[in-house]
Amino acid sequence: MERRRKQKMLRSQLQVLRFLLEFLQEADSASWEETSPETLNQEVEEVKMKWKSLKSEYQEKVMEVEELIPQLLEKLQLLQEKKTQLEEALHRHRAQTVMADEKAKETERHLQEVFQKQQLVVEKCQLQMEQLKEEIRSLEQAADRWIHAANRSSSLAGLLSHLQGVSLVSVGDKELVLDIHVSEKTEIAPLRVNLHWTSEGEFQVEIEACMPRPPPELQRGSTSHIAATILELQCWYQSHGRLLEELSELRER
C-alpha cells in the first residue's frame, strides 16, 4: 500500500510538471500582441488557481508521506528485529544440527562397541558350547563303557554264581579276579586268575601260580568269549590239579 501511495504522489508531481511545460509552450506560441489585457489577466488567474490547487494537492501528498514515514520506519525496525530473530534461530538450528550429528555419531560408535563386545561374547559362548559338546560326547562314551562293563560284570556275576569251584575275588572297570578250585576235598590252593580287557573288545589272562601256563587260546581272546574261557580254564586247572594231587600222594608213600 505504501508503494502505491508513493506512485500516486509521483504521478501528481509529474502532472504539475507537465502542466507547467504545456503552459510555457502555449505562452511561447501565443501572440502576446494580439492578446488583450483582460484575456491575459483572466488566463493568469486561471493559472494561479490551478497552481494553488496543484500546490495544495502536493502539500497534502507530502503530509501523507510524512505521516507514513514513522510507520515505515517502525515496520522497517520490526523487519530488522524479525531478521535478527530469524538469524538467531538459524544459528541455533545449525548448532542443534551439529550437536545432533555429533550425538548420533557418538551413539553409533557406542553401538558399534556394544556390538563388537556382544559378538565376542557370542563367539566365546560358541567356543564354550563346543567344549561342552566335546565333554558331553566324552561323558556319553564313558557312560557307554561303564554300562557295557556293568552289563558284562552282571553277566559274569550271574555265570559265576552258577559255577561250582569258581569264586569271584574282585571286579574293576577293566579287571576281573577269580579263584578256581580243583575241588572242595583237596588241599591244593586255588588258581588265582586275573582277566584284563581292553577298549578294543579283547581280554588277556594272567595266572598267579608256579605252574605251566595255559594254552595260548586260553590266554587271550574276545570279551564275548569270556564265559567259555573261564569254563575251559576251570577244566584245564582241574585236570592239572588232579595230576598234582596224584603226584603228592605218590611222594607221601
C-alpha atoms as a PDB file:
ATOM      1  CA  MET A   1       0.000   0.000   0.000  1.00  0.00           C
ATOM      2  CA  GLU A   2       2.866   2.422   0.782  1.00  0.00           C
ATOM      3  CA  ARG A   3       4.298   1.743  -2.651  1.00  0.00           C
ATOM      4  CA  ARG A   4       1.002   2.734  -4.293  1.00  0.00           C
ATOM      5  CA  ARG A   5       0.914   5.983  -2.346  1.00  0.00           C
ATOM      6  CA  LYS A   6       4.423   6.843  -3.450  1.00  0.00           C
ATOM      7  CA  GLN A   7       3.495   6.126  -7.065  1.00  0.00           C
ATOM      8  CA  LYS A   8       0.360   8.287  -6.743  1.00  0.00           C
ATOM      9  CA  MET A   9       2.340  11.193  -5.287  1.00  0.00           C
ATOM     10  CA  LEU A  10       4.935  10.880  -8.041  1.00  0.00           C
ATOM     11  CA  ARG A  11       2.160  10.947 -10.636  1.00  0.00           C
ATOM     12  CA  SER A  12       0.779  14.153  -9.154  1.00  0.00           C
ATOM     13  CA  GLN A  13       4.189  15.797  -9.316  1.00  0.00           C
ATOM     14  CA  LEU A  14       4.547  14.725 -12.926  1.00  0.00           C
ATOM     15  CA  GLN A  15       1.126  16.220 -13.724  1.00  0.00           C
ATOM     16  CA  VAL A  16       2.197  19.566 -12.235  1.00  0.00           C
ATOM     17  CA  LEU A  17       5.414  19.453 -14.231  1.00  0.00           C
ATOM     18  CA  ARG A  18       3.547  18.586 -17.413  1.00  0.00           C
ATOM     19  CA  PHE A  19       1.069  21.444 -16.844  1.00  0.00           C
ATOM     20  CA  LEU A  20       3.890  23.944 -16.422  1.00  0.00           C
ATOM     21  CA  LEU A  21       5.615  22.701 -19.548  1.00  0.00           C
ATOM     22  CA  GLU A  22       2.381  22.948 -21.564  1.00  0.00           C
ATOM     23  CA  PHE A  23       1.761  26.409 -20.194  1.00  0.00           C
ATOM     24  CA  LEU A  24       5.206  27.591 -21.192  1.00  0.00           C
ATOM     25  CA  GLN A  25       4.799  26.055 -24.614  1.00  0.00           C
ATOM     26  CA  GLU A  26       1.441  27.810 -25.150  1.00  0.00           C
ATOM     27  CA  ALA A  27       2.907  31.024 -23.860  1.00  0.00           C
ATOM     28  CA  ASP A  28       5.723  30.852 -26.397  1.00  0.00           C
ATOM     29  CA  SER A  29       3.416  30.071 -29.291  1.00  0.00           C
ATOM     30  CA  ALA A  30       0.749  32.661 -28.384  1.00  0.00           C
ATOM     31  CA  SER A  31       0.760  36.101 -29.859  1.00  0.00           C
ATOM     32  CA  TRP A  32       1.072  38.414 -26.878  1.00  0.00           C
ATOM     33  CA  GLU A  33       0.456  41.429 -29.017  1.00  0.00           C
ATOM     34  CA  GLU A  34      -2.951  40.170 -30.132  1.00  0.00           C
ATOM     35  CA  THR A  35      -3.955  39.223 -26.613  1.00  0.00           C
ATOM     36  CA  SER A  36      -5.971  41.768 -24.700  1.00  0.00           C
ATOM     37  CA  PRO A  37      -5.075  42.667 -21.109  1.00  0.00           C
ATOM     38  CA  GLU A  38      -8.403  41.350 -19.883  1.00  0.00           C
ATOM     39  CA  THR A  39      -7.820  37.973 -21.530  1.00  0.00           C
ATOM     40  CA  LEU A  40      -4.293  37.839 -20.223  1.00  0.00           C
ATOM     41  CA  ASN A  41      -5.370  38.640 -16.690  1.00  0.00           C
ATOM     42  CA  GLN A  42      -8.075  36.022 -16.890  1.00  0.00           C
ATOM     43  CA  GLU A  43      -5.606  33.385 -18.052  1.00  0.00           C
ATOM     44  CA  VAL A  44      -3.149  34.377 -15.348  1.00  0.00           C
ATOM     45  CA  GLU A  45      -5.857  33.998 -12.740  1.00  0.00           C
ATOM     46  CA  GLU A  46      -6.759  30.597 -14.100  1.00  0.00           C
ATOM     47  CA  VAL A  47      -3.132  29.565 -13.992  1.00  0.00           C
ATOM     48  CA  LYS A  48      -2.815  30.828 -10.434  1.00  0.00           C
ATOM     49  CA  MET A  49      -5.902  28.895  -9.412  1.00  0.00           C
ATOM     50  CA  LYS A  50      -4.596  25.711 -10.995  1.00  0.00           C
ATOM     51  CA  TRP A  51      -1.209  26.286  -9.433  1.00  0.00           C
ATOM     52  CA  LYS A  52      -2.740  26.773  -5.986  1.00  0.00           C
ATOM     53  CA  SER A  53      -4.844  23.650  -6.454  1.00  0.00           C
ATOM     54  CA  LEU A  54      -1.850  21.629  -7.513  1.00  0.00           C
ATOM     55  CA  LYS A  55       0.257  23.086  -4.708  1.00  0.00           C
ATOM     56  CA  SER A  56      -2.419  22.246  -2.170  1.00  0.00           C
ATOM     57  CA  GLU A  57      -2.686  18.746  -3.538  1.00  0.00           C
ATOM     58  CA  TYR A  58       1.108  18.412  -3.469  1.00  0.00           C
ATOM     59  CA  GLN A  59       1.265  19.556   0.154  1.00  0.00           C
ATOM     60  CA  GLU A  60      -1.428  17.079   1.084  1.00  0.00           C
ATOM     61  CA  LYS A  61       0.577  14.309  -0.538  1.00  0.00           C
ATOM     62  CA  VAL A  62       3.713  15.489   1.244  1.00  0.00           C
ATOM     63  CA  MET A  63       1.862  15.395   4.555  1.00  0.00           C
ATOM     64  CA  GLU A  64       0.594  11.933   3.789  1.00  0.00           C
ATOM     65  CA  VAL A  65       4.130  10.827   3.014  1.00  0.00           C
ATOM     66  CA  GLU A  66       5.448  12.446   6.200  1.00  0.00           C
ATOM     67  CA  GLU A  67       2.744  10.647   8.157  1.00  0.00           C
ATOM     68  CA  LEU A  68       3.735   7.380   6.518  1.00  0.00           C
ATOM     69  CA  ILE A  69       7.455   7.748   7.259  1.00  0.00           C
ATOM     70  CA  PRO A  70       7.188   6.858  11.027  1.00  0.00           C
ATOM     71  CA  GLN A  71       5.030   3.880  10.157  1.00  0.00           C
ATOM     72  CA  LEU A  72       7.538   2.805   7.528  1.00  0.00           C
ATOM     73  CA  LEU A  73      10.412   3.250   9.974  1.00  0.00           C
ATOM     74  CA  GLU A  74       8.536   1.250  12.604  1.00  0.00           C
ATOM     75  CA  LYS A  75       7.824  -1.508  10.122  1.00  0.00           C
ATOM     76  CA  LEU A  76      11.445  -1.404   8.990  1.00  0.00           C
ATOM     77  CA  GLN A  77      12.553  -1.803  12.598  1.00  0.00           C
ATOM     78  CA  LEU A  78      10.145  -4.706  13.053  1.00  0.00           C
ATOM     79  CA  LEU A  79      11.507  -6.307   9.913  1.00  0.00           C
ATOM     80  CA  GLN A  80      15.049  -5.801  11.209  1.00  0.00           C
ATOM     81  CA  GLU A  81      14.099  -7.401  14.530  1.00  0.00           C
ATOM     82  CA  LYS A  82      12.470 -10.310  12.743  1.00  0.00           C
ATOM     83  CA  LYS A  83      15.577 -10.664  10.598  1.00  0.00           C
ATOM     84  CA  THR A  84      17.727 -10.748  13.738  1.00  0.00           C
ATOM     85  CA  GLN A  85      15.395 -13.305  15.322  1.00  0.00           C
ATOM     86  CA  LEU A  86      15.486 -15.441  12.193  1.00  0.00           C
ATOM     87  CA  GLU A  87      19.288 -15.253  12.072  1.00  0.00           C
ATOM     88  CA  GLU A  88      19.484 -16.258  15.743  1.00  0.00           C
ATOM     89  CA  ALA A  89      17.007 -19.091  15.174  1.00  0.00           C
ATOM     90  CA  LEU A  90      19.020 -20.223  12.155  1.00  0.00           C
ATOM     91  CA  HIS A  91      22.211 -20.121  14.221  1.00  0.00           C
ATOM     92  CA  ARG A  92      20.554 -22.148  16.997  1.00  0.00           C
ATOM     93  CA  HIS A  93      19.221 -24.615  14.444  1.00  0.00           C
ATOM     94  CA  ARG A  94      22.669 -25.059  12.927  1.00  0.00           C
ATOM     95  CA  ALA A  95      24.187 -25.513  16.397  1.00  0.00           C
ATOM     96  CA  GLN A  96      21.491 -28.044  17.294  1.00  0.00           C
ATOM     97  CA  THR A  97      22.086 -29.838  13.996  1.00  0.00           C
ATOM     98  CA  VAL A  98      25.821 -30.045  14.721  1.00  0.00           C
ATOM     99  CA  MET A  99      25.123 -31.309  18.251  1.00  0.00           C
ATOM    100  CA  ALA A 100      22.604 -33.837  16.933  1.00  0.00           C
ATOM    101  CA  ASP A 101      25.115 -35.068  14.342  1.00  0.00           C
ATOM    102  CA  GLU A 102      27.829 -35.419  16.987  1.00  0.00           C
ATOM    103  CA  LYS A 103      25.401 -37.205  19.320  1.00  0.00           C
ATOM    104  CA  ALA A 104      24.333 -39.534  16.506  1.00  0.00           C
ATOM    105  CA  LYS A 105      27.977 -40.309  15.702  1.00  0.00           C
ATOM    106  CA  GLU A 106      28.703 -40.933  19.389  1.00  0.00           C
ATOM    107  CA  THR A 107      25.660 -43.200  19.638  1.00  0.00           C
ATOM    108  CA  GLU A 108      26.779 -45.054  16.521  1.00  0.00           C
ATOM    109  CA  ARG A 109      30.273 -45.525  17.973  1.00  0.00           C
ATOM    110  CA  HIS A 110      28.781 -46.745  21.249  1.00  0.00           C
ATOM    111  CA  LEU A 111      26.501 -49.183  19.442  1.00  0.00           C
ATOM    112  CA  GLN A 112      29.450 -50.413  17.384  1.00  0.00           C
ATOM    113  CA  GLU A 113      31.446 -51.043  20.564  1.00  0.00           C
ATOM    114  CA  VAL A 114      28.485 -52.821  22.173  1.00  0.00           C
ATOM    115  CA  PHE A 115      28.019 -54.919  19.026  1.00  0.00           C
ATOM    116  CA  GLN A 116      31.694 -55.904  18.997  1.00  0.00           C
ATOM    117  CA  LYS A 117      31.553 -56.843  22.691  1.00  0.00           C
ATOM    118  CA  GLN A 118      28.384 -58.865  22.158  1.00  0.00           C
ATOM    119  CA  GLN A 119      29.996 -60.553  19.156  1.00  0.00           C
ATOM    120  CA  LEU A 120      32.978 -61.528  21.315  1.00  0.00           C
ATOM    121  CA  VAL A 121      30.587 -62.864  23.963  1.00  0.00           C
ATOM    122  CA  VAL A 122      28.724 -64.877  21.316  1.00  0.00           C
ATOM    123  CA  GLU A 123      31.984 -66.294  19.954  1.00  0.00           C
ATOM    124  CA  LYS A 124      33.094 -67.170  23.486  1.00  0.00           C
ATOM    125  CA  CYS A 125      29.732 -68.841  24.166  1.00  0.00           C
ATOM    126  CA  GLN A 126      30.014 -70.809  20.929  1.00  0.00           C
ATOM    127  CA  LEU A 127      33.512 -71.951  21.914  1.00  0.00           C
ATOM    128  CA  GLN A 128      32.245 -72.972  25.351  1.00  0.00           C
ATOM    129  CA  MET A 129      29.329 -74.794  23.732  1.00  0.00           C
ATOM    130  CA  GLU A 130      31.744 -76.726  21.509  1.00  0.00           C
ATOM    131  CA  GLN A 131      33.835 -77.604  24.552  1.00  0.00           C
ATOM    132  CA  LEU A 132      30.704 -78.693  26.416  1.00  0.00           C
ATOM    133  CA  LYS A 133      29.659 -80.811  23.439  1.00  0.00           C
ATOM    134  CA  GLU A 134      33.076 -82.486  23.489  1.00  0.00           C
ATOM    135  CA  GLU A 135      32.747 -83.090  27.225  1.00  0.00           C
ATOM    136  CA  ILE A 136      29.227 -84.471  26.741  1.00  0.00           C
ATOM    137  CA  ARG A 137      30.462 -86.809  23.997  1.00  0.00           C
ATOM    138  CA  SER A 138      33.304 -87.952  26.272  1.00  0.00           C
ATOM    139  CA  LEU A 139      30.855 -88.479  29.143  1.00  0.00           C
ATOM    140  CA  GLU A 140      28.485 -90.371  26.857  1.00  0.00           C
ATOM    141  CA  GLN A 141      31.329 -92.606  25.706  1.00  0.00           C
ATOM    142  CA  ALA A 142      32.420 -93.145  29.316  1.00  0.00           C
ATOM    143  CA  ALA A 143      28.818 -93.896  30.275  1.00  0.00           C
ATOM    144  CA  ASP A 144      28.536 -96.369  27.407  1.00  0.00           C
ATOM    145  CA  ARG A 145      31.743 -98.042  28.534  1.00  0.00           C
ATOM    146  CA  TRP A 146      30.510 -98.112  32.124  1.00  0.00           C
ATOM    147  CA  ILE A 147      27.155 -99.568  31.082  1.00  0.00           C
ATOM    148  CA  HIS A 148      28.922-102.132  28.926  1.00  0.00           C
ATOM    149  CA  ALA A 149      31.265-103.028  31.798  1.00  0.00           C
ATOM    150  CA  ALA A 150      28.356-103.160  34.246  1.00  0.00           C
ATOM    151  CA  ASN A 151      26.386-105.418  31.933  1.00  0.00           C
ATOM    152  CA  ARG A 152      29.441-107.586  31.413  1.00  0.00           C
ATOM    153  CA  SER A 153      30.129-107.727  35.153  1.00  0.00           C
ATOM    154  CA  SER A 154      26.494-108.552  35.816  1.00  0.00           C
ATOM    155  CA  SER A 155      26.589-111.323  33.235  1.00  0.00           C
ATOM    156  CA  LEU A 156      29.839-112.705  34.690  1.00  0.00           C
ATOM    157  CA  ALA A 157      28.489-112.499  38.219  1.00  0.00           C
ATOM    158  CA  GLY A 158      25.395-114.389  37.101  1.00  0.00           C
ATOM    159  CA  LEU A 159      27.580-117.006  35.425  1.00  0.00           C
ATOM    160  CA  LEU A 160      29.932-117.369  38.387  1.00  0.00           C
ATOM    161  CA  SER A 161      27.029-117.773  40.777  1.00  0.00           C
ATOM    162  CA  HIS A 162      26.061-120.944  38.884  1.00  0.00           C
ATOM    163  CA  LEU A 163      29.607-122.356  38.595  1.00  0.00           C
ATOM    164  CA  GLN A 164      30.952-124.648  41.278  1.00  0.00           C
ATOM    165  CA  GLY A 165      34.623-124.304  42.141  1.00  0.00           C
ATOM    166  CA  VAL A 166      34.917-120.685  40.910  1.00  0.00           C
ATOM    167  CA  SER A 167      34.762-117.720  43.296  1.00  0.00           C
ATOM    168  CA  LEU A 168      34.803-114.012  42.491  1.00  0.00           C
ATOM    169  CA  VAL A 169      37.561-112.078  44.262  1.00  0.00           C
ATOM    170  CA  SER A 170      37.142-108.553  42.815  1.00  0.00           C
ATOM    171  CA  VAL A 171      35.712-106.674  39.848  1.00  0.00           C
ATOM    172  CA  GLY A 172      37.139-103.453  38.363  1.00  0.00           C
ATOM    173  CA  ASP A 173      36.478-101.290  35.318  1.00  0.00           C
ATOM    174  CA  LYS A 174      38.948-103.286  33.238  1.00  0.00           C
ATOM    175  CA  GLU A 175      39.829-106.208  35.522  1.00  0.00           C
ATOM    176  CA  LEU A 176      38.232-109.348  36.934  1.00  0.00           C
ATOM    177  CA  VAL A 177      39.967-111.507  39.597  1.00  0.00           C
ATOM    178  CA  LEU A 178      38.838-115.140  40.109  1.00  0.00           C
ATOM    179  CA  ASP A 179      39.864-118.110  42.197  1.00  0.00           C
ATOM    180  CA  ILE A 180      39.457-121.505  40.511  1.00  0.00           C
ATOM    181  CA  HIS A 181      39.364-124.504  42.901  1.00  0.00           C
ATOM    182  CA  VAL A 182      40.200-128.081  41.983  1.00  0.00           C
ATOM    183  CA  SER A 183      37.587-129.469  44.377  1.00  0.00           C
ATOM    184  CA  GLU A 184      36.269-128.887  47.853  1.00  0.00           C
ATOM    185  CA  LYS A 185      38.006-132.005  49.259  1.00  0.00           C
ATOM    186  CA  THR A 186      41.535-131.261  48.055  1.00  0.00           C
ATOM    187  CA  GLU A 187      44.103-129.185  49.867  1.00  0.00           C
ATOM    188  CA  ILE A 188      45.573-127.772  46.666  1.00  0.00           C
ATOM    189  CA  ALA A 189      45.446-123.973  46.653  1.00  0.00           C
ATOM    190  CA  PRO A 190      43.058-122.337  44.223  1.00  0.00           C
ATOM    191  CA  LEU A 191      44.342-120.861  40.993  1.00  0.00           C
ATOM    192  CA  ARG A 192      44.291-117.024  41.050  1.00  0.00           C
ATOM    193  CA  VAL A 193      43.293-115.782  37.594  1.00  0.00           C
ATOM    194  CA  ASN A 194      43.396-112.097  36.515  1.00  0.00           C
ATOM    195  CA  LEU A 195      41.323-111.153  33.497  1.00  0.00           C
ATOM    196  CA  HIS A 196      42.197-107.786  31.880  1.00  0.00           C
ATOM    197  CA  TRP A 197      40.239-106.426  28.949  1.00  0.00           C
ATOM    198  CA  THR A 198      40.966-103.538  26.610  1.00  0.00           C
ATOM    199  CA  SER A 199      38.841-100.945  24.819  1.00  0.00           C
ATOM    200  CA  GLU A 200      39.226-102.956  21.604  1.00  0.00           C
ATOM    201  CA  GLY A 201      36.933-105.674  22.971  1.00  0.00           C
ATOM    202  CA  GLU A 202      39.667-108.193  23.848  1.00  0.00           C
ATOM    203  CA  PHE A 203      40.903-109.734  27.120  1.00  0.00           C
ATOM    204  CA  GLN A 204      44.148-111.163  28.473  1.00  0.00           C
ATOM    205  CA  VAL A 205      44.665-113.827  31.172  1.00  0.00           C
ATOM    206  CA  GLU A 206      47.353-113.729  33.858  1.00  0.00           C
ATOM    207  CA  ILE A 207      47.892-116.616  36.327  1.00  0.00           C
ATOM    208  CA  GLU A 208      49.428-116.164  39.774  1.00  0.00           C
ATOM    209  CA  ALA A 209      50.904-119.662  40.264  1.00  0.00           C
ATOM    210  CA  CYS A 210      54.138-121.587  39.744  1.00  0.00           C
ATOM    211  CA  MET A 211      52.812-123.981  37.194  1.00  0.00           C
ATOM    212  CA  PRO A 212      52.718-124.380  33.418  1.00  0.00           C
ATOM    213  CA  ARG A 213      50.872-121.607  31.645  1.00  0.00           C
ATOM    214  CA  PRO A 214      47.584-122.481  29.982  1.00  0.00           C
ATOM    215  CA  PRO A 215      47.356-122.903  26.218  1.00  0.00           C
ATOM    216  CA  PRO A 216      47.655-119.710  24.119  1.00  0.00           C
ATOM    217  CA  GLU A 217      43.985-119.850  23.122  1.00  0.00           C
ATOM    218  CA  LEU A 218      43.105-119.552  26.849  1.00  0.00           C
ATOM    219  CA  GLN A 219      45.434-116.606  27.450  1.00  0.00           C
ATOM    220  CA  ARG A 220      43.622-114.041  25.261  1.00  0.00           C
ATOM    221  CA  GLY A 221      40.526-113.652  23.166  1.00  0.00           C
ATOM    222  CA  SER A 222      37.345-111.679  22.549  1.00  0.00           C
ATOM    223  CA  THR A 223      35.335-110.426  25.529  1.00  0.00           C
ATOM    224  CA  SER A 224      32.290-112.148  24.083  1.00  0.00           C
ATOM    225  CA  HIS A 225      34.019-115.488  24.839  1.00  0.00           C
ATOM    226  CA  ILE A 226      34.997-114.776  28.474  1.00  0.00           C
ATOM    227  CA  ALA A 227      32.425-117.173  29.912  1.00  0.00           C
ATOM    228  CA  ALA A 228      33.611-120.058  27.720  1.00  0.00           C
ATOM    229  CA  THR A 229      37.232-119.224  28.514  1.00  0.00           C
ATOM    230  CA  ILE A 230      36.549-119.353  32.267  1.00  0.00           C
ATOM    231  CA  LEU A 231      34.937-122.786  31.884  1.00  0.00           C
ATOM    232  CA  GLU A 232      37.889-124.055  29.850  1.00  0.00           C
ATOM    233  CA  LEU A 233      40.335-122.624  32.410  1.00  0.00           C
ATOM    234  CA  GLN A 234      38.416-124.415  35.142  1.00  0.00           C
ATOM    235  CA  CYS A 235      38.629-127.719  33.263  1.00  0.00           C
ATOM    236  CA  TRP A 236      42.300-127.155  32.485  1.00  0.00           C
ATOM    237  CA  TYR A 237      43.183-126.424  36.125  1.00  0.00           C
ATOM    238  CA  GLN A 238      41.095-129.280  37.478  1.00  0.00           C
ATOM    239  CA  SER A 239      42.950-131.735  35.205  1.00  0.00           C
ATOM    240  CA  HIS A 240      46.314-130.332  36.277  1.00  0.00           C
ATOM    241  CA  GLY A 241      45.136-130.239  39.875  1.00  0.00           C
ATOM    242  CA  ARG A 242      44.267-133.922  39.881  1.00  0.00           C
ATOM    243  CA  LEU A 243      47.679-134.674  38.404  1.00  0.00           C
ATOM    244  CA  LEU A 244      49.334-132.621  41.124  1.00  0.00           C
ATOM    245  CA  GLU A 245      47.222-134.357  43.731  1.00  0.00           C
ATOM    246  CA  GLU A 246      48.314-137.815  42.491  1.00  0.00           C
ATOM    247  CA  LEU A 247      51.960-136.741  42.469  1.00  0.00           C
ATOM    248  CA  SER A 248      51.580-135.502  46.017  1.00  0.00           C
ATOM    249  CA  GLU A 249      50.107-138.852  47.135  1.00  0.00           C
ATOM    250  CA  LEU A 250      52.975-140.759  45.487  1.00  0.00           C
ATOM    251  CA  ARG A 251      55.500-138.627  47.313  1.00  0.00           C
ATOM    252  CA  GLU A 252      53.825-139.294  50.635  1.00  0.00           C
ATOM    253  CA  ARG A 253      54.118-143.052  50.112  1.00  0.00           C
END
